[in-house]
Amino acid sequence: MTAAVPAGLVAAALAAARDRDQPVAEVPLTAIAAAAGISRSTLLRRLGGTRSALDDAVRDSGVDPGGRPPVRERAIEAAAHLIGERGLGGVTLDAVAAAAGCSLPSLHATFDGRDGLLAAVFERYSPVLDLRALAAEPPDRLEETIRAIYRALLTALHREPRVIPAIFGDLFSRPDGPASRLVRANGPALLQAVRLLLMPEVAAGRLRPLPFPLLAQLLVGPLVFHSLTRPVLEAIVGDELPDVTRTCEVFADAFLRAAAKPRAGHDATLDVDGGGVASNLGSADDQT
């Protein structure tokens, strides 16, 4: 408990909160002072002139005073920023607790340890949820599906803080490090989301029947590599590098050129330079 705040004031704050059925942070200081049997000015003087000292003391007693996001939300955001700044290997529960303004026991209770916290960060910042939503209502045309997948991937890769690039960076530099454990534990959910989008297209004859792991790598690999190296490329080639929207279109067209099955009687030529897939791919109905 914070030494500067007497235990009696913490008890008075909790009692006032119970009486008013409000979080401590929402209880007026006058009500807390009345519960403590002192004036508001005396209460403020004993708190060192700041309300936050009382809230911190209540929090240290094991009660969330309210007025802030829950521990889970604060910890996920704090861990994400630390991953972006330090990389995955440099993130400890102590650092997350300090950044999130919570205790170590609360982190363990909320996430069941560091691995649980990192899994929650991965789910929040990876494209898993977006890809699942896309798979639930996929577009009618193959090329629209592929472009939607790339947009979801780009959003995840370029979202600040840059959690996913930091995870890949750790994965490439230390194959047996924490990123490897994280990807092994949580990667199947991402692959399953991609599978739900690609395999129906294979079954319908619109994508070549390549082994799924290779099909997924063909889809994801070039864009991931581009996103990881883009900051360096921008410094080297400047305006010669297309913006991310155009880049997404180029990679989508390249994937379709490699993996899409042309309609009967048509070749596989794609209008890449024109910024879109040529009509020879046809609609989903035409390719059935």
C-alpha atoms as a PDB file:
ATOM      1  CA  MET A   1       0.000   0.000   0.000  1.00  0.00           C
ATOM      2  CA  THR A   2       1.204   3.539  -0.695  1.00  0.00           C
ATOM      3  CA  ALA A   3       2.803   4.760   2.523  1.00  0.00           C
ATOM      4  CA  ALA A   4       1.824   8.406   2.031  1.00  0.00           C
ATOM      5  CA  VAL A   5      -1.895   7.577   2.263  1.00  0.00           C
ATOM      6  CA  PRO A   6      -3.168   6.425   5.695  1.00  0.00           C
ATOM      7  CA  ALA A   7      -5.036   3.140   5.723  1.00  0.00           C
ATOM      8  CA  GLY A   8      -8.016   4.920   7.290  1.00  0.00           C
ATOM      9  CA  LEU A   9      -8.457   7.083   4.208  1.00  0.00           C
ATOM     10  CA  VAL A  10      -8.394   4.029   1.951  1.00  0.00           C
ATOM     11  CA  ALA A  11     -11.052   2.390   4.147  1.00  0.00           C
ATOM     12  CA  ALA A  12     -13.143   5.580   4.046  1.00  0.00           C
ATOM     13  CA  ALA A  13     -12.904   5.710   0.243  1.00  0.00           C
ATOM     14  CA  LEU A  14     -14.007   2.084  -0.066  1.00  0.00           C
ATOM     15  CA  ALA A  15     -16.889   2.634   2.361  1.00  0.00           C
ATOM     16  CA  ALA A  16     -18.074   5.720   0.475  1.00  0.00           C
ATOM     17  CA  ALA A  17     -17.888   3.796  -2.795  1.00  0.00           C
ATOM     18  CA  ARG A  18     -20.002   0.972  -1.366  1.00  0.00           C
ATOM     19  CA  ASP A  19     -22.582   3.395   0.021  1.00  0.00           C
ATOM     20  CA  ARG A  20     -22.908   5.192  -3.333  1.00  0.00           C
ATOM     21  CA  ASP A  21     -22.557   2.010  -5.438  1.00  0.00           C
ATOM     22  CA  GLN A  22     -19.849   3.705  -7.511  1.00  0.00           C
ATOM     23  CA  PRO A  23     -16.210   3.010  -8.337  1.00  0.00           C
ATOM     24  CA  VAL A  24     -13.854   4.804  -5.959  1.00  0.00           C
ATOM     25  CA  ALA A  25     -12.553   7.021  -8.760  1.00  0.00           C
ATOM     26  CA  GLU A  26     -16.081   8.387  -9.322  1.00  0.00           C
ATOM     27  CA  VAL A  27     -16.833   9.170  -5.661  1.00  0.00           C
ATOM     28  CA  PRO A  28     -16.468  12.913  -4.906  1.00  0.00           C
ATOM     29  CA  LEU A  29     -13.750  13.860  -2.461  1.00  0.00           C
ATOM     30  CA  THR A  30     -16.380  15.532  -0.261  1.00  0.00           C
ATOM     31  CA  ALA A  31     -18.122  12.163   0.198  1.00  0.00           C
ATOM     32  CA  ILE A  32     -14.825  10.438   1.022  1.00  0.00           C
ATOM     33  CA  ALA A  33     -13.920  13.203   3.474  1.00  0.00           C
ATOM     34  CA  ALA A  34     -17.315  12.844   5.157  1.00  0.00           C
ATOM     35  CA  ALA A  35     -16.801   9.079   5.482  1.00  0.00           C
ATOM     36  CA  ALA A  36     -13.405   9.763   7.070  1.00  0.00           C
ATOM     37  CA  GLY A  37     -14.854  12.390   9.430  1.00  0.00           C
ATOM     38  CA  ILE A  38     -12.637  15.186   8.099  1.00  0.00           C
ATOM     39  CA  SER A  39     -13.009  18.199   5.816  1.00  0.00           C
ATOM     40  CA  ARG A  40     -12.282  18.081   2.115  1.00  0.00           C
ATOM     41  CA  SER A  41      -9.310  20.419   2.538  1.00  0.00           C
ATOM     42  CA  THR A  42      -7.856  18.197   5.262  1.00  0.00           C
ATOM     43  CA  LEU A  43      -8.327  15.161   3.040  1.00  0.00           C
ATOM     44  CA  LEU A  44      -6.493  16.827   0.166  1.00  0.00           C
ATOM     45  CA  ARG A  45      -3.668  17.892   2.476  1.00  0.00           C
ATOM     46  CA  ARG A  46      -3.222  14.324   3.728  1.00  0.00           C
ATOM     47  CA  LEU A  47      -3.202  13.116   0.113  1.00  0.00           C
ATOM     48  CA  GLY A  48      -0.438  15.536  -0.778  1.00  0.00           C
ATOM     49  CA  GLY A  49      -2.805  17.676  -2.819  1.00  0.00           C
ATOM     50  CA  THR A  50      -3.604  15.043  -5.472  1.00  0.00           C
ATOM     51  CA  ARG A  51      -6.505  12.640  -5.922  1.00  0.00           C
ATOM     52  CA  SER A  52      -4.350  10.167  -7.814  1.00  0.00           C
ATOM     53  CA  ALA A  53      -2.491   9.239  -4.607  1.00  0.00           C
ATOM     54  CA  LEU A  54      -5.722   7.929  -3.114  1.00  0.00           C
ATOM     55  CA  ASP A  55      -6.613   5.995  -6.272  1.00  0.00           C
ATOM     56  CA  ASP A  56      -3.140   4.449  -6.301  1.00  0.00           C
ATOM     57  CA  ALA A  57      -3.464   3.474  -2.632  1.00  0.00           C
ATOM     58  CA  VAL A  58      -6.848   1.854  -3.276  1.00  0.00           C
ATOM     59  CA  ARG A  59      -5.352  -0.004  -6.221  1.00  0.00           C
ATOM     60  CA  ASP A  60      -2.432  -1.175  -4.096  1.00  0.00           C
ATOM     61  CA  SER A  61      -4.930  -2.553  -1.590  1.00  0.00           C
ATOM     62  CA  GLY A  62      -6.173  -4.920  -4.287  1.00  0.00           C
ATOM     63  CA  VAL A  63      -9.264  -2.973  -5.399  1.00  0.00           C
ATOM     64  CA  ASP A  64      -9.569  -1.407  -8.841  1.00  0.00           C
ATOM     65  CA  PRO A  65     -10.673   2.190  -8.206  1.00  0.00           C
ATOM     66  CA  GLY A  66     -12.176   2.444 -11.697  1.00  0.00           C
ATOM     67  CA  GLY A  67     -11.831   5.430 -13.943  1.00  0.00           C
ATOM     68  CA  ARG A  68      -9.358   3.554 -16.136  1.00  0.00           C
ATOM     69  CA  PRO A  69      -9.619   0.734 -18.672  1.00  0.00           C
ATOM     70  CA  PRO A  70      -9.499  -2.780 -17.165  1.00  0.00           C
ATOM     71  CA  VAL A  71      -6.140  -4.371 -16.428  1.00  0.00           C
ATOM     72  CA  ARG A  72      -6.473  -6.633 -19.503  1.00  0.00           C
ATOM     73  CA  GLU A  73      -6.809  -3.700 -21.916  1.00  0.00           C
ATOM     74  CA  ARG A  74      -4.047  -1.658 -20.302  1.00  0.00           C
ATOM     75  CA  ALA A  75      -1.669  -4.615 -20.229  1.00  0.00           C
ATOM     76  CA  ILE A  76      -2.251  -5.560 -23.876  1.00  0.00           C
ATOM     77  CA  GLU A  77      -1.619  -1.989 -25.022  1.00  0.00           C
ATOM     78  CA  ALA A  78       1.427  -1.610 -22.769  1.00  0.00           C
ATOM     79  CA  ALA A  79       2.910  -4.912 -23.962  1.00  0.00           C
ATOM     80  CA  ALA A  80       2.270  -3.999 -27.600  1.00  0.00           C
ATOM     81  CA  HIS A  81       4.154  -0.706 -27.254  1.00  0.00           C
ATOM     82  CA  LEU A  82       7.020  -2.439 -25.450  1.00  0.00           C
ATOM     83  CA  ILE A  83       7.234  -5.090 -28.198  1.00  0.00           C
ATOM     84  CA  GLY A  84       7.382  -2.339 -30.826  1.00  0.00           C
ATOM     85  CA  GLU A  85      10.143  -0.530 -28.922  1.00  0.00           C
ATOM     86  CA  ARG A  86      12.247  -3.421 -27.584  1.00  0.00           C
ATOM     87  CA  GLY A  87      11.317  -6.496 -29.558  1.00  0.00           C
ATOM     88  CA  LEU A  88       9.625  -9.535 -28.120  1.00  0.00           C
ATOM     89  CA  GLY A  89      12.624 -10.795 -26.168  1.00  0.00           C
ATOM     90  CA  GLY A  90      12.954  -7.537 -24.244  1.00  0.00           C
ATOM     91  CA  VAL A  91       9.431  -7.553 -22.815  1.00  0.00           C
ATOM     92  CA  THR A  92       9.060  -8.717 -19.216  1.00  0.00           C
ATOM     93  CA  LEU A  93       6.013  -8.867 -16.979  1.00  0.00           C
ATOM     94  CA  ASP A  94       7.705  -6.388 -14.647  1.00  0.00           C
ATOM     95  CA  ALA A  95       8.020  -3.883 -17.497  1.00  0.00           C
ATOM     96  CA  VAL A  96       4.423  -4.448 -18.595  1.00  0.00           C
ATOM     97  CA  ALA A  97       3.106  -4.026 -15.047  1.00  0.00           C
ATOM     98  CA  ALA A  98       5.007  -0.757 -14.656  1.00  0.00           C
ATOM     99  CA  ALA A  99       3.801   0.595 -18.016  1.00  0.00           C
ATOM    100  CA  ALA A 100       0.206  -0.519 -17.455  1.00  0.00           C
ATOM    101  CA  GLY A 101       0.029   0.701 -13.860  1.00  0.00           C
ATOM    102  CA  CYS A 102      -0.953  -2.667 -12.418  1.00  0.00           C
ATOM    103  CA  SER A 103       0.551  -5.338 -10.184  1.00  0.00           C
ATOM    104  CA  LEU A 104       2.318  -8.545 -11.176  1.00  0.00           C
ATOM    105  CA  PRO A 105      -0.316 -10.704  -9.424  1.00  0.00           C
ATOM    106  CA  SER A 106      -3.052  -9.001 -11.456  1.00  0.00           C
ATOM    107  CA  LEU A 107      -1.186  -9.807 -14.690  1.00  0.00           C
ATOM    108  CA  HIS A 108      -0.785 -13.453 -13.706  1.00  0.00           C
ATOM    109  CA  ALA A 109      -4.448 -13.671 -12.713  1.00  0.00           C
ATOM    110  CA  THR A 110      -5.632 -12.022 -15.934  1.00  0.00           C
ATOM    111  CA  PHE A 111      -3.385 -13.781 -18.461  1.00  0.00           C
ATOM    112  CA  ASP A 112      -1.979 -16.839 -16.679  1.00  0.00           C
ATOM    113  CA  GLY A 113       1.563 -15.581 -17.162  1.00  0.00           C
ATOM    114  CA  ARG A 114       3.690 -14.038 -19.899  1.00  0.00           C
ATOM    115  CA  ASP A 115       2.759 -16.526 -22.623  1.00  0.00           C
ATOM    116  CA  GLY A 116      -0.934 -15.785 -22.106  1.00  0.00           C
ATOM    117  CA  LEU A 117      -0.305 -12.044 -22.311  1.00  0.00           C
ATOM    118  CA  LEU A 118       1.735 -12.381 -25.509  1.00  0.00           C
ATOM    119  CA  ALA A 119      -0.978 -14.588 -27.035  1.00  0.00           C
ATOM    120  CA  ALA A 120      -3.556 -11.862 -26.311  1.00  0.00           C
ATOM    121  CA  VAL A 121      -1.305  -9.250 -27.936  1.00  0.00           C
ATOM    122  CA  PHE A 122      -0.792 -11.506 -30.967  1.00  0.00           C
ATOM    123  CA  GLU A 123      -4.527 -11.977 -31.394  1.00  0.00           C
ATOM    124  CA  ARG A 124      -5.197  -8.238 -31.058  1.00  0.00           C
ATOM    125  CA  TYR A 125      -2.541  -7.109 -33.535  1.00  0.00           C
ATOM    126  CA  SER A 126      -2.435 -10.002 -35.999  1.00  0.00           C
ATOM    127  CA  PRO A 127      -4.950 -10.271 -38.867  1.00  0.00           C
ATOM    128  CA  VAL A 128      -6.590 -13.406 -37.388  1.00  0.00           C
ATOM    129  CA  LEU A 129      -9.853 -11.740 -36.366  1.00  0.00           C
ATOM    130  CA  ASP A 130     -10.140  -9.780 -39.629  1.00  0.00           C
ATOM    131  CA  LEU A 131      -9.503 -12.894 -41.714  1.00  0.00           C
ATOM    132  CA  ARG A 132     -12.077 -14.881 -39.752  1.00  0.00           C
ATOM    133  CA  ALA A 133     -14.654 -12.151 -40.366  1.00  0.00           C
ATOM    134  CA  LEU A 134     -13.741 -12.155 -44.057  1.00  0.00           C
ATOM    135  CA  ALA A 135     -14.083 -15.950 -44.233  1.00  0.00           C
ATOM    136  CA  ALA A 136     -17.556 -15.717 -42.691  1.00  0.00           C
ATOM    137  CA  GLU A 137     -18.706 -13.478 -45.579  1.00  0.00           C
ATOM    138  CA  PRO A 138     -16.210 -13.855 -48.434  1.00  0.00           C
ATOM    139  CA  PRO A 139     -16.504 -11.741 -51.601  1.00  0.00           C
ATOM    140  CA  ASP A 140     -18.091 -13.278 -54.681  1.00  0.00           C
ATOM    141  CA  ARG A 141     -15.026 -12.979 -56.910  1.00  0.00           C
ATOM    142  CA  LEU A 142     -11.648 -14.624 -56.383  1.00  0.00           C
ATOM    143  CA  GLU A 143      -9.658 -11.478 -57.076  1.00  0.00           C
ATOM    144  CA  GLU A 144     -11.753  -9.523 -54.580  1.00  0.00           C
ATOM    145  CA  THR A 145     -11.081 -12.186 -51.944  1.00  0.00           C
ATOM    146  CA  ILE A 146      -7.331 -12.068 -52.544  1.00  0.00           C
ATOM    147  CA  ARG A 147      -7.259  -8.266 -52.394  1.00  0.00           C
ATOM    148  CA  ALA A 148      -9.282  -8.306 -49.171  1.00  0.00           C
ATOM    149  CA  ILE A 149      -6.783 -10.763 -47.642  1.00  0.00           C
ATOM    150  CA  TYR A 150      -3.891  -8.510 -48.618  1.00  0.00           C
ATOM    151  CA  ARG A 151      -5.609  -5.451 -47.150  1.00  0.00           C
ATOM    152  CA  ALA A 152      -6.062  -7.286 -43.849  1.00  0.00           C
ATOM    153  CA  LEU A 153      -2.421  -8.374 -43.885  1.00  0.00           C
ATOM    154  CA  LEU A 154      -1.191  -4.866 -44.692  1.00  0.00           C
ATOM    155  CA  THR A 155      -3.292  -3.375 -41.909  1.00  0.00           C
ATOM    156  CA  ALA A 156      -1.777  -5.784 -39.388  1.00  0.00           C
ATOM    157  CA  LEU A 157       1.780  -5.330 -40.627  1.00  0.00           C
ATOM    158  CA  HIS A 158       1.663  -1.523 -40.657  1.00  0.00           C
ATOM    159  CA  ARG A 159      -0.481  -0.956 -37.560  1.00  0.00           C
ATOM    160  CA  GLU A 160       1.201   1.061 -34.820  1.00  0.00           C
ATOM    161  CA  PRO A 161       2.798  -0.080 -32.640  1.00  0.00           C
ATOM    162  CA  ARG A 162       4.475  -2.415 -35.132  1.00  0.00           C
ATOM    163  CA  VAL A 163       3.935  -5.621 -33.178  1.00  0.00           C
ATOM    164  CA  ILE A 164       3.887  -8.151 -36.018  1.00  0.00           C
ATOM    165  CA  PRO A 165       7.119  -6.908 -37.682  1.00  0.00           C
ATOM    166  CA  ALA A 166       8.808  -7.012 -34.262  1.00  0.00           C
ATOM    167  CA  ILE A 167       7.658 -10.610 -33.776  1.00  0.00           C
ATOM    168  CA  PHE A 168       8.972 -11.596 -37.220  1.00  0.00           C
ATOM    169  CA  GLY A 169      12.243  -9.805 -36.504  1.00  0.00           C
ATOM    170  CA  ASP A 170      12.693 -11.813 -33.319  1.00  0.00           C
ATOM    171  CA  LEU A 171      11.667 -15.001 -35.123  1.00  0.00           C
ATOM    172  CA  PHE A 172      14.286 -14.542 -37.853  1.00  0.00           C
ATOM    173  CA  SER A 173      17.082 -13.562 -35.472  1.00  0.00           C
ATOM    174  CA  ARG A 174      16.392 -16.222 -32.842  1.00  0.00           C
ATOM    175  CA  PRO A 175      14.556 -19.234 -34.315  1.00  0.00           C
ATOM    176  CA  ASP A 176      14.372 -20.861 -30.874  1.00  0.00           C
ATOM    177  CA  GLY A 177      13.437 -17.661 -29.014  1.00  0.00           C
ATOM    178  CA  PRO A 178      10.142 -16.408 -27.576  1.00  0.00           C
ATOM    179  CA  ALA A 179       8.727 -15.451 -30.990  1.00  0.00           C
ATOM    180  CA  SER A 180       9.119 -19.037 -32.167  1.00  0.00           C
ATOM    181  CA  ARG A 181       7.137 -20.295 -29.170  1.00  0.00           C
ATOM    182  CA  LEU A 182       4.497 -17.628 -29.742  1.00  0.00           C
ATOM    183  CA  VAL A 183       4.085 -18.447 -33.428  1.00  0.00           C
ATOM    184  CA  ARG A 184       3.973 -22.201 -32.806  1.00  0.00           C
ATOM    185  CA  ALA A 185       1.268 -21.706 -30.198  1.00  0.00           C
ATOM    186  CA  ASN A 186      -0.844 -19.131 -32.035  1.00  0.00           C
ATOM    187  CA  GLY A 187       0.106 -19.524 -35.690  1.00  0.00           C
ATOM    188  CA  PRO A 188      -2.375 -22.363 -36.321  1.00  0.00           C
ATOM    189  CA  ALA A 189      -5.291 -19.961 -35.784  1.00  0.00           C
ATOM    190  CA  LEU A 190      -3.867 -17.641 -38.444  1.00  0.00           C
ATOM    191  CA  LEU A 191      -3.285 -20.496 -40.883  1.00  0.00           C
ATOM    192  CA  GLN A 192      -6.786 -21.812 -40.282  1.00  0.00           C
ATOM    193  CA  ALA A 193      -8.246 -18.392 -41.130  1.00  0.00           C
ATOM    194  CA  VAL A 194      -6.269 -18.370 -44.401  1.00  0.00           C
ATOM    195  CA  ARG A 195      -7.306 -21.975 -45.100  1.00  0.00           C
ATOM    196  CA  LEU A 196     -10.990 -21.057 -44.768  1.00  0.00           C
ATOM    197  CA  LEU A 197     -10.512 -18.438 -47.466  1.00  0.00           C
ATOM    198  CA  LEU A 198      -8.292 -20.298 -49.948  1.00  0.00           C
ATOM    199  CA  MET A 199      -9.405 -23.919 -49.897  1.00  0.00           C
ATOM    200  CA  PRO A 200     -12.985 -23.259 -51.078  1.00  0.00           C
ATOM    201  CA  GLU A 201     -11.413 -21.508 -54.080  1.00  0.00           C
ATOM    202  CA  VAL A 202      -9.254 -24.591 -54.705  1.00  0.00           C
ATOM    203  CA  ALA A 203     -12.291 -26.873 -54.388  1.00  0.00           C
ATOM    204  CA  ALA A 204     -14.190 -24.708 -56.881  1.00  0.00           C
ATOM    205  CA  GLY A 205     -11.343 -24.968 -59.383  1.00  0.00           C
ATOM    206  CA  ARG A 206     -10.426 -21.280 -59.254  1.00  0.00           C
ATOM    207  CA  LEU A 207      -7.054 -21.808 -57.557  1.00  0.00           C
ATOM    208  CA  ARG A 208      -4.474 -24.418 -58.461  1.00  0.00           C
ATOM    209  CA  PRO A 209      -4.476 -27.440 -56.083  1.00  0.00           C
ATOM    210  CA  LEU A 210      -1.102 -26.654 -54.527  1.00  0.00           C
ATOM    211  CA  PRO A 211      -0.232 -28.021 -51.074  1.00  0.00           C
ATOM    212  CA  PHE A 212      -1.883 -25.634 -48.638  1.00  0.00           C
ATOM    213  CA  PRO A 213       1.278 -24.652 -46.709  1.00  0.00           C
ATOM    214  CA  LEU A 214       2.952 -23.629 -49.978  1.00  0.00           C
ATOM    215  CA  LEU A 215      -0.160 -21.857 -51.206  1.00  0.00           C
ATOM    216  CA  ALA A 216      -0.304 -19.885 -47.959  1.00  0.00           C
ATOM    217  CA  GLN A 217       3.392 -19.002 -48.193  1.00  0.00           C
ATOM    218  CA  LEU A 218       2.957 -17.936 -51.806  1.00  0.00           C
ATOM    219  CA  LEU A 219       0.168 -15.638 -50.654  1.00  0.00           C
ATOM    220  CA  VAL A 220       1.721 -14.212 -47.496  1.00  0.00           C
ATOM    221  CA  GLY A 221       5.479 -14.450 -47.969  1.00  0.00           C
ATOM    222  CA  PRO A 222       6.177 -11.653 -50.485  1.00  0.00           C
ATOM    223  CA  LEU A 223       4.009  -9.132 -48.654  1.00  0.00           C
ATOM    224  CA  VAL A 224       5.527  -9.924 -45.248  1.00  0.00           C
ATOM    225  CA  PHE A 225       9.059  -9.592 -46.626  1.00  0.00           C
ATOM    226  CA  HIS A 226       8.147  -6.318 -48.339  1.00  0.00           C
ATOM    227  CA  SER A 227       6.615  -4.882 -45.168  1.00  0.00           C
ATOM    228  CA  LEU A 228       9.654  -5.824 -43.069  1.00  0.00           C
ATOM    229  CA  THR A 229      12.057  -4.205 -45.515  1.00  0.00           C
ATOM    230  CA  ARG A 230       9.889  -1.274 -46.624  1.00  0.00           C
ATOM    231  CA  PRO A 231      11.373   1.282 -44.158  1.00  0.00           C
ATOM    232  CA  VAL A 232      14.842   0.580 -45.601  1.00  0.00           C
ATOM    233  CA  LEU A 233      13.575   0.573 -49.191  1.00  0.00           C
ATOM    234  CA  GLU A 234      11.921   3.946 -48.691  1.00  0.00           C
ATOM    235  CA  ALA A 235      15.248   5.402 -47.611  1.00  0.00           C
ATOM    236  CA  ILE A 236      17.045   3.864 -50.594  1.00  0.00           C
ATOM    237  CA  VAL A 237      14.663   4.335 -53.539  1.00  0.00           C
ATOM    238  CA  GLY A 238      12.373   7.093 -52.260  1.00  0.00           C
ATOM    239  CA  ASP A 239       9.435   7.930 -54.547  1.00  0.00           C
ATOM    240  CA  GLU A 240      10.212   5.010 -56.822  1.00  0.00           C
ATOM    241  CA  LEU A 241       8.534   2.741 -54.261  1.00  0.00           C
ATOM    242  CA  PRO A 242       4.748   2.579 -54.796  1.00  0.00           C
ATOM    243  CA  ASP A 243       2.458   3.469 -51.898  1.00  0.00           C
ATOM    244  CA  VAL A 244       1.082   0.637 -49.796  1.00  0.00           C
ATOM    245  CA  THR A 245      -2.254   0.559 -51.630  1.00  0.00           C
ATOM    246  CA  ARG A 246      -0.614   0.121 -55.030  1.00  0.00           C
ATOM    247  CA  THR A 247       1.836  -2.348 -53.539  1.00  0.00           C
ATOM    248  CA  CYS A 248      -1.081  -4.424 -52.273  1.00  0.00           C
ATOM    249  CA  GLU A 249      -2.592  -4.503 -55.773  1.00  0.00           C
ATOM    250  CA  VAL A 250       0.689  -5.587 -57.372  1.00  0.00           C
ATOM    251  CA  PHE A 251       1.215  -8.446 -54.924  1.00  0.00           C
ATOM    252  CA  ALA A 252      -2.405  -9.561 -55.263  1.00  0.00           C
ATOM    253  CA  ASP A 253      -2.068  -9.645 -59.068  1.00  0.00           C
ATOM    254  CA  ALA A 254       1.234 -11.522 -58.797  1.00  0.00           C
ATOM    255  CA  PHE A 255      -0.359 -14.168 -56.573  1.00  0.00           C
ATOM    256  CA  LEU A 256      -3.264 -14.590 -58.967  1.00  0.00           C
ATOM    257  CA  ARG A 257      -0.887 -14.890 -61.916  1.00  0.00           C
ATOM    258  CA  ALA A 258       0.901 -17.719 -60.096  1.00  0.00           C
ATOM    259  CA  ALA A 259      -1.984 -19.541 -58.448  1.00  0.00           C
ATOM    260  CA  ALA A 260      -5.258 -18.789 -60.241  1.00  0.00           C
ATOM    261  CA  LYS A 261      -6.488 -21.268 -62.847  1.00  0.00           C
ATOM    262  CA  PRO A 262      -7.504 -19.509 -66.088  1.00  0.00           C
ATOM    263  CA  ARG A 263     -10.931 -20.068 -67.516  1.00  0.00           C
ATOM    264  CA  ALA A 264     -11.234 -22.668 -70.215  1.00  0.00           C
ATOM    265  CA  GLY A 265     -10.249 -21.183 -73.551  1.00  0.00           C
ATOM    266  CA  HIS A 266      -8.331 -18.270 -72.039  1.00  0.00           C
ATOM    267  CA  ASP A 267      -4.684 -17.774 -71.200  1.00  0.00           C
ATOM    268  CA  ALA A 268      -3.450 -16.656 -67.796  1.00  0.00           C
ATOM    269  CA  THR A 269      -2.412 -13.135 -68.808  1.00  0.00           C
ATOM    270  CA  LEU A 270      -3.159 -10.567 -66.115  1.00  0.00           C
ATOM    271  CA  ASP A 271      -3.274  -6.815 -66.569  1.00  0.00           C
ATOM    272  CA  VAL A 272      -0.757  -6.136 -63.800  1.00  0.00           C
ATOM    273  CA  ASP A 273       0.561  -2.884 -65.221  1.00  0.00           C
ATOM    274  CA  GLY A 274      -2.957  -1.574 -65.502  1.00  0.00           C
ATOM    275  CA  GLY A 275      -3.520  -2.015 -61.790  1.00  0.00           C
ATOM    276  CA  GLY A 276      -5.980  -4.880 -61.849  1.00  0.00           C
ATOM    277  CA  VAL A 277      -6.670  -8.453 -62.762  1.00  0.00           C
ATOM    278  CA  ALA A 278      -7.806  -8.845 -66.343  1.00  0.00           C
ATOM    279  CA  SER A 279     -11.320 -10.031 -66.961  1.00  0.00           C
ATOM    280  CA  ASN A 280     -10.127 -13.429 -68.191  1.00  0.00           C
ATOM    281  CA  LEU A 281     -10.376 -14.659 -64.608  1.00  0.00           C
ATOM    282  CA  GLY A 282     -14.085 -14.040 -64.811  1.00  0.00           C
ATOM    283  CA  SER A 283     -16.571 -13.947 -61.993  1.00  0.00           C
ATOM    284  CA  ALA A 284     -16.947 -16.614 -59.373  1.00  0.00           C
ATOM    285  CA  ASP A 285     -20.014 -17.893 -61.212  1.00  0.00           C
ATOM    286  CA  ASP A 286     -18.168 -17.997 -64.549  1.00  0.00           C
ATOM    287  CA  GLN A 287     -15.336 -20.057 -63.112  1.00  0.00           C
ATOM    288  CA  THR A 288     -17.435 -22.697 -61.452  1.00  0.00           C
END
